[in-house]
């Protein structure tokens, strides 16, 4: 007997005649010749259609069900008695044996690193579909990465994780599909200083596909949209660098294989450092008077931003806003105060940037 695949559809009389010829309609027969049960399954075919153990030990229902399944897959061809009895798989019985078809495969053309790749295609219904892959630059040949079974409609699907650009094909029913390729897309990254002193140069750096083209897009403070600002190529290690100048606040991202997250660099708010002032002498940032010392404080901020000055005298716990001024186009700001005693101060701009805290000692 046996070795195949199909579905129940022949008449019950056909099945009875087959059993009589094969085994005398004896479901428990085991003659020691390697074939078992009413349908004389060999063990390989029995297990191939989902049977377990020895066919002759299985129930009548199980033997009938798996014999019908084998017929749906291969018609009458697994049984020698079918030819003797004149049984054949044709439309008169309502079923035709399923022909073995060339499998197909489809895959997305490109996916981000670490993404799930959905492979799918068609094959002979019920066939085992072996999936092979070759990771470009990592493997020198194709490797088996999985196997699935095509459903009753001949469809199959399998998911894999993408770590390199990969080629795929499948084998089923002794036939091989064409090749599908999924290109590995690098996730671009971007980094820049959070705050930089006005007009100072800074670097925007990150990672992208080695030797790949990287385009920088920027939006200045008050701008409505990002504009293409510069372009370069990543080096052999995938690193890139752009130089920029902090003449205002900027947001930015890059596009390579994929768009990066958005970064931002703001113009820092600064103030002049701590000073020690004598009432009768003038220093680099103060002028003396008989009652109180005139202190000229200055620093930098984003051009056009509003800068507020906060002070706290010795012995006080709360900070007090004492002056405000707009930074000039150069980014510089300046405020004059009169103070009779030592105080601490800092500047904060309307952009949210805050200077360090400094101490002015008035003696």
Protein backbone atom coordinates (compact mmCIF):
# COMPACT_ATOMS: atom_id res chain seq x y z
CA UNK A 1 0.00 0.00 0.00
CA UNK A 2 0.54 3.69 0.65
CA UNK A 3 2.21 7.04 0.62
CA UNK A 4 0.13 10.19 -0.12
CA UNK A 5 -2.64 12.90 0.38
CA UNK A 6 -6.45 13.84 -0.57
CA UNK A 7 -10.05 14.02 0.85
CA UNK A 8 -13.17 11.96 1.39
CA UNK A 9 -15.56 12.05 -1.56
CA UNK A 10 -15.67 8.57 -3.09
CA UNK A 11 -18.79 6.55 -2.40
CA UNK A 12 -19.05 4.42 0.71
CA UNK A 13 -19.26 1.37 -1.55
CA UNK A 14 -15.89 2.32 -3.06
CA UNK A 15 -14.36 2.47 0.42
CA UNK A 16 -15.92 -0.85 1.42
CA UNK A 17 -14.59 -2.57 -1.71
CA UNK A 18 -11.14 -1.08 -1.05
CA UNK A 19 -11.07 -2.36 2.54
CA UNK A 20 -12.20 -5.82 1.44
CA UNK A 21 -9.39 -5.99 -1.10
CA UNK A 22 -6.69 -4.54 1.16
CA UNK A 23 -7.45 -6.30 4.47
CA UNK A 24 -10.69 -8.25 4.25
CA UNK A 25 -12.25 -5.20 5.97
CA UNK A 26 -10.29 -6.04 9.14
CA UNK A 27 -9.39 -2.83 11.04
CA UNK A 28 -7.08 -4.63 13.50
CA UNK A 29 -5.08 -6.72 11.03
CA UNK A 30 -1.30 -6.82 11.42
CA UNK A 31 0.29 -9.49 9.20
CA UNK A 32 3.89 -8.46 9.93
CA UNK A 33 4.58 -7.20 6.41
CA UNK A 34 4.87 -3.52 7.42
CA UNK A 35 1.25 -2.60 6.58
CA UNK A 36 -1.50 -2.20 9.16
CA UNK A 37 -5.24 -1.90 9.59
CA UNK A 38 -8.19 -1.90 7.23
CA UNK A 39 -6.45 0.42 4.75
CA UNK A 40 -3.01 -1.18 5.05
CA UNK A 41 -1.15 1.99 6.02
CA UNK A 42 2.61 1.86 6.31
CA UNK A 43 3.93 3.74 9.34
CA UNK A 44 5.50 6.59 7.34
CA UNK A 45 2.26 7.41 5.53
CA UNK A 46 0.20 6.98 8.70
CA UNK A 47 2.30 9.45 10.62
CA UNK A 48 2.44 11.76 7.58
CA UNK A 49 -1.33 12.29 7.69
CA UNK A 50 -1.36 12.88 11.43
CA UNK A 51 -1.69 9.35 12.83
CA UNK A 52 0.07 8.19 15.98
CA UNK A 53 1.17 4.77 17.14
CA UNK A 54 0.29 1.74 14.96
CA UNK A 55 -2.69 2.02 12.54
CA UNK A 56 -4.14 -1.37 13.51
CA UNK A 57 -4.47 -0.17 17.12
CA UNK A 58 -6.42 2.94 16.10
CA UNK A 59 -10.21 3.14 16.15
CA UNK A 60 -12.31 2.58 13.02
CA UNK A 61 -13.23 6.28 13.01
CA UNK A 62 -9.57 7.34 13.12
CA UNK A 63 -8.57 4.94 10.34
CA UNK A 64 -11.49 6.05 8.16
CA UNK A 65 -10.76 9.75 8.78
CA UNK A 66 -7.07 9.49 7.94
CA UNK A 67 -7.73 7.31 4.89
CA UNK A 68 -10.12 9.97 3.57
CA UNK A 69 -7.52 12.64 4.31
CA UNK A 70 -4.94 10.68 2.35
CA UNK A 71 -7.39 10.35 -0.55
CA UNK A 72 -7.99 14.13 -0.57
CA UNK A 73 -4.25 14.65 -0.90
CA UNK A 74 -3.35 11.92 -3.38
CA UNK A 75 -6.47 10.32 -4.73
CA UNK A 76 -6.49 6.52 -5.02
CA UNK A 77 -2.78 6.31 -5.94
CA UNK A 78 -1.55 5.13 -2.47
CA UNK A 79 -3.62 1.88 -2.70
CA UNK A 80 -2.65 -0.91 -5.10
CA UNK A 81 -6.15 -2.42 -4.77
CA UNK A 82 -7.71 0.75 -6.22
CA UNK A 83 -6.20 -0.06 -9.59
CA UNK A 84 -7.33 -3.70 -9.35
CA UNK A 85 -10.88 -2.56 -8.52
CA UNK A 86 -10.91 0.07 -11.26
CA UNK A 87 -11.20 2.99 -8.80
CA UNK A 88 -9.89 6.26 -10.11
CA UNK A 89 -9.82 9.87 -9.01
CA UNK A 90 -12.04 11.75 -11.41
CA UNK A 91 -15.06 14.11 -11.39
CA UNK A 92 -17.45 11.14 -11.27
CA UNK A 93 -16.59 10.86 -7.58
CA UNK A 94 -16.62 14.63 -7.13
CA UNK A 95 -12.90 14.93 -6.33
CA UNK A 96 -9.70 15.25 -8.28
CA UNK A 97 -6.28 14.66 -6.70
CA UNK A 98 -4.57 17.91 -5.69
CA UNK A 99 -1.72 18.62 -8.09
CA UNK A 100 1.58 19.73 -6.67
CA UNK A 101 2.07 23.39 -7.44
CA UNK A 102 5.22 25.50 -7.46
CA UNK A 103 5.32 27.42 -4.15
CA UNK A 104 5.45 31.19 -4.07
CA UNK A 105 6.83 33.68 -1.55
CA UNK A 106 6.35 37.39 -0.89
CA UNK A 107 8.12 39.67 1.59
CA UNK A 108 8.15 43.43 2.29
CA UNK A 109 10.79 45.24 0.22
CA UNK A 110 12.24 47.06 3.25
CA UNK A 111 11.79 47.15 7.02
CA UNK A 112 13.46 48.88 9.96
CA UNK A 113 16.15 47.11 11.95
CA UNK A 114 14.64 44.68 14.44
CA UNK A 115 11.23 44.71 12.77
CA UNK A 116 9.09 41.64 12.15
CA UNK A 117 9.08 40.51 8.51
CA UNK A 118 5.87 38.78 7.40
CA UNK A 119 6.60 36.11 4.80
CA UNK A 120 3.66 34.60 2.95
CA UNK A 121 2.77 32.69 -0.18
CA UNK A 122 1.04 29.71 -1.72
CA UNK A 123 1.89 26.01 -1.95
CA UNK A 124 0.20 22.67 -2.43
CA UNK A 125 -2.65 22.48 0.14
CA UNK A 126 -1.46 20.66 3.24
CA UNK A 127 2.17 20.59 2.08
CA UNK A 128 5.10 21.20 4.39
CA UNK A 129 6.74 24.51 3.46
CA UNK A 130 10.44 24.79 4.35
CA UNK A 131 11.71 28.39 4.61
CA UNK A 132 15.29 29.38 3.79
CA UNK A 133 17.11 32.69 4.28
CA UNK A 134 20.48 34.25 3.51
CA UNK A 135 21.51 37.27 5.56
CA UNK A 136 23.62 39.45 3.25
CA UNK A 137 27.11 40.08 4.57
CA UNK A 138 26.65 37.65 7.44
CA UNK A 139 25.97 34.24 5.88
CA UNK A 140 27.66 32.82 2.80
CA UNK A 141 24.76 30.54 1.88
CA UNK A 142 21.08 29.91 2.58
CA UNK A 143 20.04 28.38 5.91
CA UNK A 144 16.75 26.74 6.85
CA UNK A 145 15.02 29.08 9.32
CA UNK A 146 11.64 27.43 9.78
CA UNK A 147 8.86 25.29 8.38
CA UNK A 148 5.09 25.65 8.27
CA UNK A 149 2.18 23.77 6.75
CA UNK A 150 0.08 25.21 3.96
CA UNK A 151 -3.60 25.37 4.86
CA UNK A 152 -6.45 23.76 2.93
CA UNK A 153 -6.52 26.75 0.57
CA UNK A 154 -2.79 26.39 -0.09
CA UNK A 155 -1.80 29.51 1.83
CA UNK A 156 1.12 29.72 4.26
CA UNK A 157 2.70 32.47 6.39
CA UNK A 158 5.66 32.84 8.71
CA UNK A 159 7.19 35.76 10.67
CA UNK A 160 10.91 36.37 11.11
CA UNK A 161 12.93 39.12 12.80
CA UNK A 162 15.05 41.31 10.53
CA UNK A 163 18.67 41.88 11.57
CA UNK A 164 20.33 42.19 8.13
CA UNK A 165 19.22 42.60 4.54
CA UNK A 166 17.92 39.12 3.73
CA UNK A 167 16.98 36.94 0.75
CA UNK A 168 14.29 34.26 1.17
CA UNK A 169 12.87 31.28 -0.72
CA UNK A 170 10.76 28.23 0.19
CA UNK A 171 10.55 24.58 -0.82
CA UNK A 172 7.35 22.53 -0.85
CA UNK A 173 6.22 19.36 -2.61
CA UNK A 174 9.69 18.95 -4.06
CA UNK A 175 9.54 22.34 -5.76
CA UNK A 176 11.31 25.62 -5.06
CA UNK A 177 9.90 29.15 -5.13
CA UNK A 178 11.49 32.26 -6.51
CA UNK A 179 13.48 34.60 -4.24
CA UNK A 180 12.15 37.53 -2.20
CA UNK A 181 14.33 40.19 -0.58
CA UNK A 182 13.78 42.47 2.41
CA UNK A 183 16.23 45.34 2.74
CA UNK A 184 17.42 46.25 6.23
CA UNK A 185 16.73 49.91 7.04
CA UNK A 186 19.02 51.56 9.59
CA UNK A 187 17.40 53.54 12.37
CA UNK A 188 18.98 57.00 12.21
CA UNK A 189 19.96 58.69 15.47
CA UNK A 190 20.77 62.32 16.25
CA UNK A 191 22.42 64.18 19.15
CA UNK A 192 23.25 67.82 19.85
CA UNK A 193 24.04 70.08 22.80
CA UNK A 194 20.98 71.10 24.82
CA UNK A 195 22.16 74.71 25.13
CA UNK A 196 25.02 76.72 23.61
CA UNK A 197 26.19 80.31 24.16
CA UNK A 198 24.92 82.64 21.42
CA UNK A 199 26.94 82.55 18.17
CA UNK A 200 29.05 79.66 19.42
CA UNK A 201 29.60 76.74 17.02
CA UNK A 202 28.31 73.31 17.95
CA UNK A 203 28.08 69.83 16.40
CA UNK A 204 25.06 67.74 15.49
CA UNK A 205 26.09 64.09 15.37
CA UNK A 206 24.49 60.66 15.08
CA UNK A 207 24.41 57.31 13.33
CA UNK A 208 23.02 56.05 10.01
CA UNK A 209 23.77 53.46 7.32
CA UNK A 210 27.56 53.24 6.78
CA UNK A 211 28.47 55.36 3.74
CA UNK A 212 24.78 56.28 3.40
CA UNK A 213 23.59 59.79 2.55
CA UNK A 214 22.31 61.81 5.52
CA UNK A 215 20.20 64.96 5.09
CA UNK A 216 19.71 67.46 7.92
CA UNK A 217 16.44 69.38 8.32
CA UNK A 218 16.15 72.33 10.70
CA UNK A 219 13.51 74.71 12.03
CA UNK A 220 14.59 77.94 13.68
CA UNK A 221 12.76 79.60 16.56
CA UNK A 222 9.50 81.06 15.27
CA UNK A 223 9.65 79.02 12.05
CA UNK A 224 6.61 77.12 10.81
CA UNK A 225 8.28 74.21 9.05
CA UNK A 226 11.52 72.27 8.78
CA UNK A 227 13.75 73.08 5.81
CA UNK A 228 16.60 71.14 4.24
CA UNK A 229 19.77 72.58 5.75
CA UNK A 230 22.70 70.35 4.79
CA UNK A 231 23.67 66.91 3.53
CA UNK A 232 26.62 64.57 4.06
CA UNK A 233 27.58 60.89 4.04
CA UNK A 234 28.06 58.70 7.09
CA UNK A 235 31.52 57.19 7.44
CA UNK A 236 32.40 53.49 7.34
CA UNK A 237 31.19 53.09 10.93
CA UNK A 238 27.90 54.86 10.24
CA UNK A 239 28.83 58.09 12.06
CA UNK A 240 28.01 61.53 10.67
CA UNK A 241 28.56 65.13 11.82
CA UNK A 242 27.17 68.56 10.95
CA UNK A 243 28.54 71.88 12.22
CA UNK A 244 26.13 74.68 13.14
CA UNK A 245 26.12 78.07 14.87
CA UNK A 246 23.82 79.09 17.75
CA UNK A 247 22.37 82.34 16.40
CA UNK A 248 18.91 81.28 17.66
CA UNK A 249 17.10 78.18 18.97
CA UNK A 250 16.86 75.27 16.53
CA UNK A 251 15.01 71.98 16.25
CA UNK A 252 16.38 69.38 13.84
CA UNK A 253 16.22 65.81 12.52
CA UNK A 254 17.96 63.79 9.82
CA UNK A 255 16.70 61.53 7.06
CA UNK A 256 18.70 58.55 5.84
CA UNK A 257 17.15 55.07 5.55
CA UNK A 258 14.63 56.23 8.14
CA UNK A 259 13.92 59.58 9.76
CA UNK A 260 15.49 60.15 13.17
CA UNK A 261 13.83 61.53 16.26
CA UNK A 262 13.80 65.34 16.63
CA UNK A 263 16.55 67.05 18.63
CA UNK A 264 16.86 70.64 19.80
CA UNK A 265 19.62 73.07 20.76
CA UNK A 266 18.73 76.32 22.48
CA UNK A 267 20.73 79.47 23.02
CA UNK A 268 21.92 79.45 26.62
CA UNK A 269 21.23 82.35 28.98
CA UNK A 270 24.41 83.58 30.69
CA UNK A 271 25.36 86.27 33.18
CA UNK A 272 28.65 87.88 34.19
CA UNK A 273 30.52 85.95 36.87
CA UNK A 274 30.88 86.82 40.56
CA UNK A 275 32.57 90.09 41.46
CA UNK A 276 33.80 91.78 44.60
CA UNK A 277 33.04 95.51 44.74
CA UNK A 278 34.43 98.29 46.96
CA UNK A 279 32.18 101.31 47.43
CA UNK A 280 34.88 103.86 46.77
CA UNK A 281 36.48 102.09 43.86
CA UNK A 282 35.18 101.21 40.44
CA UNK A 283 35.65 97.73 39.11
CA UNK A 284 35.11 96.14 35.71
CA UNK A 285 31.37 96.00 36.19
CA UNK A 286 30.53 98.50 38.99
CA UNK A 287 30.58 102.16 39.81
CA UNK A 288 30.58 103.51 43.35
CA UNK A 289 28.29 106.10 44.91
CA UNK A 290 28.07 107.49 48.44
CA UNK A 291 24.88 105.62 49.39
CA UNK A 292 24.86 102.52 47.21
CA UNK A 293 27.03 101.00 44.58
CA UNK A 294 25.88 100.99 41.00
CA UNK A 295 26.35 97.50 39.59
CA UNK A 296 26.31 96.95 35.82
CA UNK A 297 25.42 93.31 35.12
CA UNK A 298 25.40 91.76 31.67
CA UNK A 299 25.29 88.46 29.82
CA UNK A 300 23.91 86.76 26.73
CA UNK A 301 20.65 85.12 25.65
CA UNK A 302 18.74 84.28 22.50
CA UNK A 303 18.45 87.47 20.41
CA UNK A 304 15.10 89.17 21.01
CA UNK A 305 14.21 87.10 24.08
CA UNK A 306 13.09 88.79 27.29
CA UNK A 307 15.63 88.44 30.11
CA UNK A 308 14.55 88.79 33.75
CA UNK A 309 17.02 89.39 36.55
CA UNK A 310 16.45 87.88 40.01
CA UNK A 311 18.33 88.83 43.19
CA UNK A 312 18.49 87.65 46.77
CA UNK A 313 20.31 89.64 49.44
CA UNK A 314 22.17 88.08 52.34
CA UNK A 315 19.75 86.81 54.98
CA UNK A 316 16.81 86.58 52.57
CA UNK A 317 15.20 83.28 51.50
CA UNK A 318 13.11 84.34 48.49
CA UNK A 319 14.33 85.46 45.09
CA UNK A 320 12.96 88.76 43.83
CA UNK A 321 12.61 89.90 40.23
CA UNK A 322 14.25 93.32 39.95
CA UNK A 323 14.65 94.04 36.25
CA UNK A 324 13.87 92.82 32.75
CA UNK A 325 15.36 93.63 29.38
CA UNK A 326 15.33 92.25 25.83
CA UNK A 327 18.51 90.69 24.48
CA UNK A 328 19.86 92.68 21.53
CA UNK A 329 20.40 91.29 18.02
CA UNK A 330 23.90 90.40 19.11
CA UNK A 331 22.40 88.34 21.92
CA UNK A 332 23.84 90.59 24.62
CA UNK A 333 21.83 92.09 27.48
CA UNK A 334 22.83 94.57 30.22
CA UNK A 335 21.16 95.88 33.40
CA UNK A 336 22.34 98.44 36.00
CA UNK A 337 21.39 98.00 39.65
CA UNK A 338 22.10 99.91 42.84
CA UNK A 339 23.05 97.79 45.81
CA UNK A 340 24.13 98.64 49.34
CA UNK A 341 24.96 95.08 50.40
CA UNK A 342 26.17 91.78 49.06
CA UNK A 343 23.64 89.83 46.94
CA UNK A 344 23.25 86.78 44.71
CA UNK A 345 21.65 86.93 41.29
CA UNK A 346 20.78 84.98 38.15
CA UNK A 347 19.19 85.72 34.78
CA UNK A 348 16.37 83.79 33.13
CA UNK A 349 15.12 84.33 29.59
CA UNK A 350 11.64 83.86 28.12
CA UNK A 351 12.97 80.73 26.36
CA UNK A 352 13.20 79.01 29.75
CA UNK A 353 17.00 79.08 29.81
CA UNK A 354 18.56 80.09 33.12
CA UNK A 355 22.08 81.27 33.92
CA UNK A 356 24.24 80.08 36.76
CA UNK A 357 23.86 81.90 40.09
CA UNK A 358 26.58 84.41 40.96
CA UNK A 359 27.54 86.50 44.00
CA UNK A 360 28.31 90.21 44.06
CA UNK A 361 30.14 91.21 47.23
CA UNK A 362 29.56 94.87 48.05
CA UNK A 363 32.02 96.10 50.69
